[in-house]
Amino acid sequence: MELSENLLAKLVCPKCKGKLNYVRTEGRLECGTCRLAFRIDNGVPVLLIDEAEKLK
């Protein structure tokens, strides 16, 4: 399920409040500043820091 552009414009990283990048091929949102990836479950972004994946 695709996220709407309207929703993407309002979402920010819960840790640094920076912009999130939507990686459609991976189905997740990434914060380049914090180096965290947030999964999307059934079209709902899971923006919980404790459940985020650390990017290398």
C-alpha atoms as a PDB file:
ATOM      1  CA  MET A   1       0.000   0.000   0.000  1.00  0.00           C
ATOM      2  CA  GLU A   2       1.400   3.377  -1.045  1.00  0.00           C
ATOM      3  CA  LEU A   3       1.593   6.285   1.377  1.00  0.00           C
ATOM      4  CA  SER A   4      -0.007   9.499   0.185  1.00  0.00           C
ATOM      5  CA  GLU A   5       2.168  12.492  -0.638  1.00  0.00           C
ATOM      6  CA  ASN A   6       0.052  14.511   1.795  1.00  0.00           C
ATOM      7  CA  LEU A   7       0.920  12.162   4.667  1.00  0.00           C
ATOM      8  CA  LEU A   8       4.593  11.959   3.708  1.00  0.00           C
ATOM      9  CA  ALA A   9       4.870  15.754   3.814  1.00  0.00           C
ATOM     10  CA  LYS A  10       3.739  15.762   7.457  1.00  0.00           C
ATOM     11  CA  LEU A  11       5.769  12.852   8.821  1.00  0.00           C
ATOM     12  CA  VAL A  12       9.019  13.556  10.660  1.00  0.00           C
ATOM     13  CA  CYS A  13      11.565  11.453  12.521  1.00  0.00           C
ATOM     14  CA  PRO A  14      10.393  10.937  16.106  1.00  0.00           C
ATOM     15  CA  LYS A  15      13.962  11.288  17.384  1.00  0.00           C
ATOM     16  CA  CYS A  16      15.381  14.373  15.633  1.00  0.00           C
ATOM     17  CA  LYS A  17      12.197  15.786  14.025  1.00  0.00           C
ATOM     18  CA  GLY A  18      14.001  15.740  10.669  1.00  0.00           C
ATOM     19  CA  LYS A  19      12.692  14.763   7.257  1.00  0.00           C
ATOM     20  CA  LEU A  20      11.981  11.112   6.521  1.00  0.00           C
ATOM     21  CA  ASN A  21      12.731   9.588   3.127  1.00  0.00           C
ATOM     22  CA  TYR A  22      10.216   7.083   1.774  1.00  0.00           C
ATOM     23  CA  VAL A  23      12.018   4.079   0.291  1.00  0.00           C
ATOM     24  CA  ARG A  24       9.255   2.454  -1.757  1.00  0.00           C
ATOM     25  CA  THR A  25      11.324  -0.590  -2.757  1.00  0.00           C
ATOM     26  CA  GLU A  26      12.021  -1.413   0.903  1.00  0.00           C
ATOM     27  CA  GLY A  27       8.613  -0.316   2.200  1.00  0.00           C
ATOM     28  CA  ARG A  28      10.038   1.863   4.923  1.00  0.00           C
ATOM     29  CA  LEU A  29      10.855   5.398   6.003  1.00  0.00           C
ATOM     30  CA  GLU A  30      14.475   6.356   6.653  1.00  0.00           C
ATOM     31  CA  CYS A  31      16.055   9.185   8.603  1.00  0.00           C
ATOM     32  CA  GLY A  32      19.490  10.023   7.213  1.00  0.00           C
ATOM     33  CA  THR A  33      20.434  12.107  10.253  1.00  0.00           C
ATOM     34  CA  CYS A  34      19.700   9.470  12.909  1.00  0.00           C
ATOM     35  CA  ARG A  35      20.470   6.564  10.550  1.00  0.00           C
ATOM     36  CA  LEU A  36      17.207   4.837  11.487  1.00  0.00           C
ATOM     37  CA  ALA A  37      14.661   2.991   9.335  1.00  0.00           C
ATOM     38  CA  PHE A  38      11.002   2.750  10.314  1.00  0.00           C
ATOM     39  CA  ARG A  39       8.840  -0.033   8.900  1.00  0.00           C
ATOM     40  CA  ILE A  40       5.383   0.399   7.431  1.00  0.00           C
ATOM     41  CA  ASP A  41       2.766  -2.152   8.541  1.00  0.00           C
ATOM     42  CA  ASN A  42      -0.343  -2.427   6.352  1.00  0.00           C
ATOM     43  CA  GLY A  43       0.067   1.168   5.195  1.00  0.00           C
ATOM     44  CA  VAL A  44       0.694   2.534   8.716  1.00  0.00           C
ATOM     45  CA  PRO A  45       4.158   3.940   9.528  1.00  0.00           C
ATOM     46  CA  VAL A  46       5.513   2.558  12.811  1.00  0.00           C
ATOM     47  CA  LEU A  47       7.439   5.549  14.162  1.00  0.00           C
ATOM     48  CA  LEU A  48       8.637   3.991  17.406  1.00  0.00           C
ATOM     49  CA  ILE A  49      12.317   4.604  18.113  1.00  0.00           C
ATOM     50  CA  ASP A  50      12.637   1.305  20.018  1.00  0.00           C
ATOM     51  CA  GLU A  51      11.380  -0.636  16.992  1.00  0.00           C
ATOM     52  CA  ALA A  52      13.453   1.210  14.375  1.00  0.00           C
ATOM     53  CA  GLU A  53      16.202  -0.573  12.485  1.00  0.00           C
ATOM     54  CA  LYS A  54      19.670   0.984  12.599  1.00  0.00           C
ATOM     55  CA  LEU A  55      21.095   1.736   9.166  1.00  0.00           C
ATOM     56  CA  LYS A  56      24.724   1.004   8.362  1.00  0.00           C
END
